[in-house]
């Protein structure tokens, strides 16, 4: 029997924030900034720089636990204006500037339409017990509601995310990777998206 697919969707990093400005400066001399001005850099690497621990946790966790068969990639990144892309897609400085100009909001057609297109394409590749896990904010519908429209109840999220901040989520995912243990996923539809902040993570004891 063929194992079900598990595809992870990673919420976008803020492309117009303080860390983005570091890369966007023409005088920037960091290796990543030089890459962006030259041949480009993987968007997963760029978003990890922009978002820090949170995106690093999402990307590492997704790559560890993804199971794709018909889907071209087990991890896809939600991007402003470009829909769903592989974290290995190369972007240049102009691409980052363009994404910074697109507001992440369902009423913004520049954001919504590419996400609708790619959500529909992903849905066409799923069948049986295949699921899609959103690693990102579920408190608002800014991308959740768009994606869920096309996935016909397949969209899930880690229940342990409820009430946690970004840094706590990032640390939790990296911990689970080290443990080799997945989080618990629940359907987006009808779920409690907000809740009391859970206790802080205990220090991780490496074996």
Protein backbone atom coordinates (compact mmCIF):
# COMPACT_ATOMS: atom_id res chain seq x y z
CA UNK A 1 0.00 0.00 0.00
CA UNK A 2 1.34 3.44 -0.97
CA UNK A 3 2.03 5.74 1.98
CA UNK A 4 0.06 9.02 2.08
CA UNK A 5 1.85 12.21 1.13
CA UNK A 6 2.57 14.93 3.69
CA UNK A 7 3.37 18.30 2.13
CA UNK A 8 4.41 21.26 4.27
CA UNK A 9 3.56 24.89 3.51
CA UNK A 10 5.80 27.47 5.19
CA UNK A 11 4.43 30.92 5.94
CA UNK A 12 6.42 33.81 4.41
CA UNK A 13 9.09 35.93 6.04
CA UNK A 14 8.60 39.69 6.19
CA UNK A 15 10.31 40.95 3.04
CA UNK A 16 10.13 44.64 3.96
CA UNK A 17 11.36 44.56 7.56
CA UNK A 18 14.56 45.66 9.25
CA UNK A 19 16.54 42.56 8.32
CA UNK A 20 15.37 42.82 4.72
CA UNK A 21 16.72 46.36 4.57
CA UNK A 22 20.16 44.98 5.42
CA UNK A 23 20.08 42.86 2.25
CA UNK A 24 18.45 45.53 0.07
CA UNK A 25 21.20 48.10 0.61
CA UNK A 26 23.44 48.35 -2.44
CA UNK A 27 26.41 48.74 -0.10
CA UNK A 28 25.66 45.52 1.83
CA UNK A 29 28.72 43.28 2.02
CA UNK A 30 27.39 40.11 3.68
CA UNK A 31 27.84 36.90 1.64
CA UNK A 32 24.06 36.56 1.23
CA UNK A 33 23.67 40.15 0.00
CA UNK A 34 26.49 39.60 -2.51
CA UNK A 35 24.78 36.42 -3.73
CA UNK A 36 21.50 38.29 -4.21
CA UNK A 37 23.24 40.92 -6.31
CA UNK A 38 24.99 38.25 -8.35
CA UNK A 39 23.70 34.84 -9.35
CA UNK A 40 21.02 34.71 -6.63
CA UNK A 41 20.39 32.69 -3.47
CA UNK A 42 17.81 30.02 -2.50
CA UNK A 43 14.66 31.63 -1.18
CA UNK A 44 14.73 29.28 1.81
CA UNK A 45 18.13 30.68 2.78
CA UNK A 46 16.95 34.26 2.26
CA UNK A 47 13.79 33.79 4.33
CA UNK A 48 15.82 32.09 7.07
CA UNK A 49 17.97 35.23 7.28
CA UNK A 50 14.89 37.46 7.36
CA UNK A 51 12.96 35.46 9.95
CA UNK A 52 15.71 33.78 11.98
CA UNK A 53 14.91 30.86 14.29
CA UNK A 54 11.25 30.63 13.26
CA UNK A 55 11.85 30.06 9.56
CA UNK A 56 14.89 27.87 10.20
CA UNK A 57 12.69 25.69 12.38
CA UNK A 58 9.96 25.50 9.76
CA UNK A 59 12.34 24.67 6.93
CA UNK A 60 14.31 22.07 8.89
CA UNK A 61 11.16 20.43 10.23
CA UNK A 62 9.44 20.36 6.86
CA UNK A 63 12.43 18.87 5.09
CA UNK A 64 12.78 16.23 7.79
CA UNK A 65 9.19 14.98 7.82
CA UNK A 66 7.87 15.67 4.29
CA UNK A 67 6.69 12.70 2.24
CA UNK A 68 5.94 13.56 -1.36
CA UNK A 69 5.22 11.35 -4.31
CA UNK A 70 3.16 13.12 -6.96
CA UNK A 71 3.76 16.57 -5.44
CA UNK A 72 6.98 17.98 -6.98
CA UNK A 73 8.30 19.12 -3.59
CA UNK A 74 7.45 18.10 -0.04
CA UNK A 75 8.10 21.64 1.22
CA UNK A 76 6.65 24.77 -0.38
CA UNK A 77 7.08 28.38 0.70
CA UNK A 78 4.22 30.89 0.61
CA UNK A 79 5.66 33.98 -1.10
CA UNK A 80 4.21 37.46 -1.66
CA UNK A 81 3.29 37.70 -5.33
CA UNK A 82 4.77 34.35 -6.38
CA UNK A 83 2.42 31.80 -4.83
CA UNK A 84 3.93 28.52 -3.60
CA UNK A 85 7.56 27.88 -4.49
CA UNK A 86 10.25 25.38 -3.56
CA UNK A 87 12.68 26.64 -0.89
CA UNK A 88 15.43 25.87 -3.43
CA UNK A 89 14.15 28.43 -5.95
CA UNK A 90 16.81 31.03 -6.62
CA UNK A 91 15.94 34.70 -6.09
CA UNK A 92 17.87 37.89 -6.75
CA UNK A 93 17.82 41.34 -5.21
CA UNK A 94 15.11 42.53 -7.60
CA UNK A 95 12.92 39.57 -6.60
CA UNK A 96 13.21 40.48 -2.92
CA UNK A 97 12.31 44.09 -3.69
CA UNK A 98 9.28 42.94 -5.69
CA UNK A 99 8.06 40.67 -2.87
CA UNK A 100 8.50 43.51 -0.36
CA UNK A 101 5.97 45.55 -2.37
CA UNK A 102 3.20 42.92 -2.16
CA UNK A 103 1.01 43.07 0.91
CA UNK A 104 0.18 39.68 2.47
CA UNK A 105 -3.59 40.10 2.55
CA UNK A 106 -6.47 38.16 0.97
CA UNK A 107 -7.94 41.32 -0.59
CA UNK A 108 -4.67 42.02 -2.43
CA UNK A 109 -5.00 40.38 -5.85
CA UNK A 110 -1.21 40.41 -6.35
CA UNK A 111 -0.91 38.14 -3.34
CA UNK A 112 -4.17 36.18 -3.62
CA UNK A 113 -4.21 35.17 -7.28
CA UNK A 114 -0.79 33.40 -7.43
CA UNK A 115 -1.63 31.63 -4.15
CA UNK A 116 -5.01 30.53 -5.53
CA UNK A 117 -3.35 29.25 -8.72
CA UNK A 118 -0.73 27.20 -6.89
CA UNK A 119 -3.12 25.93 -4.20
CA UNK A 120 -5.38 24.58 -6.95
CA UNK A 121 -2.38 22.99 -8.70
CA UNK A 122 -1.25 21.34 -5.45
CA UNK A 123 -4.78 20.05 -4.76
CA UNK A 124 -4.84 18.35 -8.17
CA UNK A 125 -1.79 16.26 -7.14
CA UNK A 126 -3.32 14.96 -3.90
CA UNK A 127 -5.53 11.96 -3.33
CA UNK A 128 -6.59 9.44 -0.69
CA UNK A 129 -5.21 10.28 2.76
CA UNK A 130 -2.69 12.88 1.56
CA UNK A 131 -2.49 15.94 3.82
CA UNK A 132 -0.97 19.41 3.75
CA UNK A 133 0.50 20.91 6.93
CA UNK A 134 0.69 24.67 7.38
CA UNK A 135 3.70 25.74 9.42
CA UNK A 136 2.74 29.31 10.16
CA UNK A 137 0.17 31.57 11.76
CA UNK A 138 -3.36 30.19 11.90
CA UNK A 139 -4.76 33.02 14.06
CA UNK A 140 -5.86 35.01 10.99
CA UNK A 141 -7.15 34.01 7.57
CA UNK A 142 -4.64 35.99 5.52
CA UNK A 143 -3.46 32.85 3.71
CA UNK A 144 -5.17 30.04 5.59
CA UNK A 145 -8.60 30.76 4.15
CA UNK A 146 -7.32 31.03 0.58
CA UNK A 147 -5.46 27.72 0.73
CA UNK A 148 -8.20 25.84 2.58
CA UNK A 149 -10.70 26.75 -0.15
CA UNK A 150 -8.79 24.53 -2.60
CA UNK A 151 -7.63 21.68 -0.38
CA UNK A 152 -11.05 20.27 0.49
CA UNK A 153 -10.40 19.62 4.18
CA UNK A 154 -6.81 18.34 3.77
CA UNK A 155 -5.19 21.37 5.43
CA UNK A 156 -3.78 20.71 8.92
CA UNK A 157 -1.64 22.59 11.44
CA UNK A 158 0.35 21.62 14.56
CA UNK A 159 -1.98 21.94 17.54
CA UNK A 160 1.07 22.77 19.69
CA UNK A 161 1.35 26.09 17.80
CA UNK A 162 -1.75 27.54 19.49
CA UNK A 163 -0.73 30.28 21.91
CA UNK A 164 2.98 30.12 21.08
CA UNK A 165 5.05 32.97 19.69
CA UNK A 166 7.27 32.64 16.65
CA UNK A 167 10.48 31.94 18.57
CA UNK A 168 8.81 29.28 20.69
CA UNK A 169 7.43 27.58 17.57
CA UNK A 170 10.83 27.62 15.92
CA UNK A 171 12.51 26.10 18.95
CA UNK A 172 9.79 23.47 19.30
CA UNK A 173 10.18 22.33 15.70
CA UNK A 174 13.96 22.06 15.93
CA UNK A 175 13.58 20.05 19.12
CA UNK A 176 11.18 17.63 17.45
CA UNK A 177 13.62 17.16 14.58
CA UNK A 178 16.34 16.19 17.04
CA UNK A 179 13.92 13.79 18.74
CA UNK A 180 12.74 12.36 15.41
CA UNK A 181 9.15 12.89 16.53
CA UNK A 182 6.44 14.79 14.64
CA UNK A 183 4.02 17.26 16.16
CA UNK A 184 0.30 16.50 16.40
CA UNK A 185 -1.65 17.82 13.40
CA UNK A 186 -5.32 18.80 13.46
CA UNK A 187 -7.63 20.03 10.67
CA UNK A 188 -7.81 23.79 10.19
CA UNK A 189 -11.56 23.62 9.63
CA UNK A 190 -13.34 24.16 12.93
CA UNK A 191 -10.12 24.30 14.97
CA UNK A 192 -9.40 26.66 17.87
CA UNK A 193 -6.85 29.02 16.38
CA UNK A 194 -6.13 31.11 19.49
CA UNK A 195 -5.44 29.97 23.02
CA UNK A 196 -3.60 30.46 26.27
CA UNK A 197 0.17 30.69 26.02
CA UNK A 198 1.65 27.28 26.96
CA UNK A 199 4.53 26.91 29.44
CA UNK A 200 7.99 27.77 28.16
CA UNK A 201 9.98 24.94 26.67
CA UNK A 202 12.19 23.14 29.14
CA UNK A 203 15.94 23.17 28.36
CA UNK A 204 16.68 20.40 25.90
CA UNK A 205 18.93 17.68 27.25
CA UNK A 206 20.99 16.20 24.40
CA UNK A 207 21.72 12.51 24.70
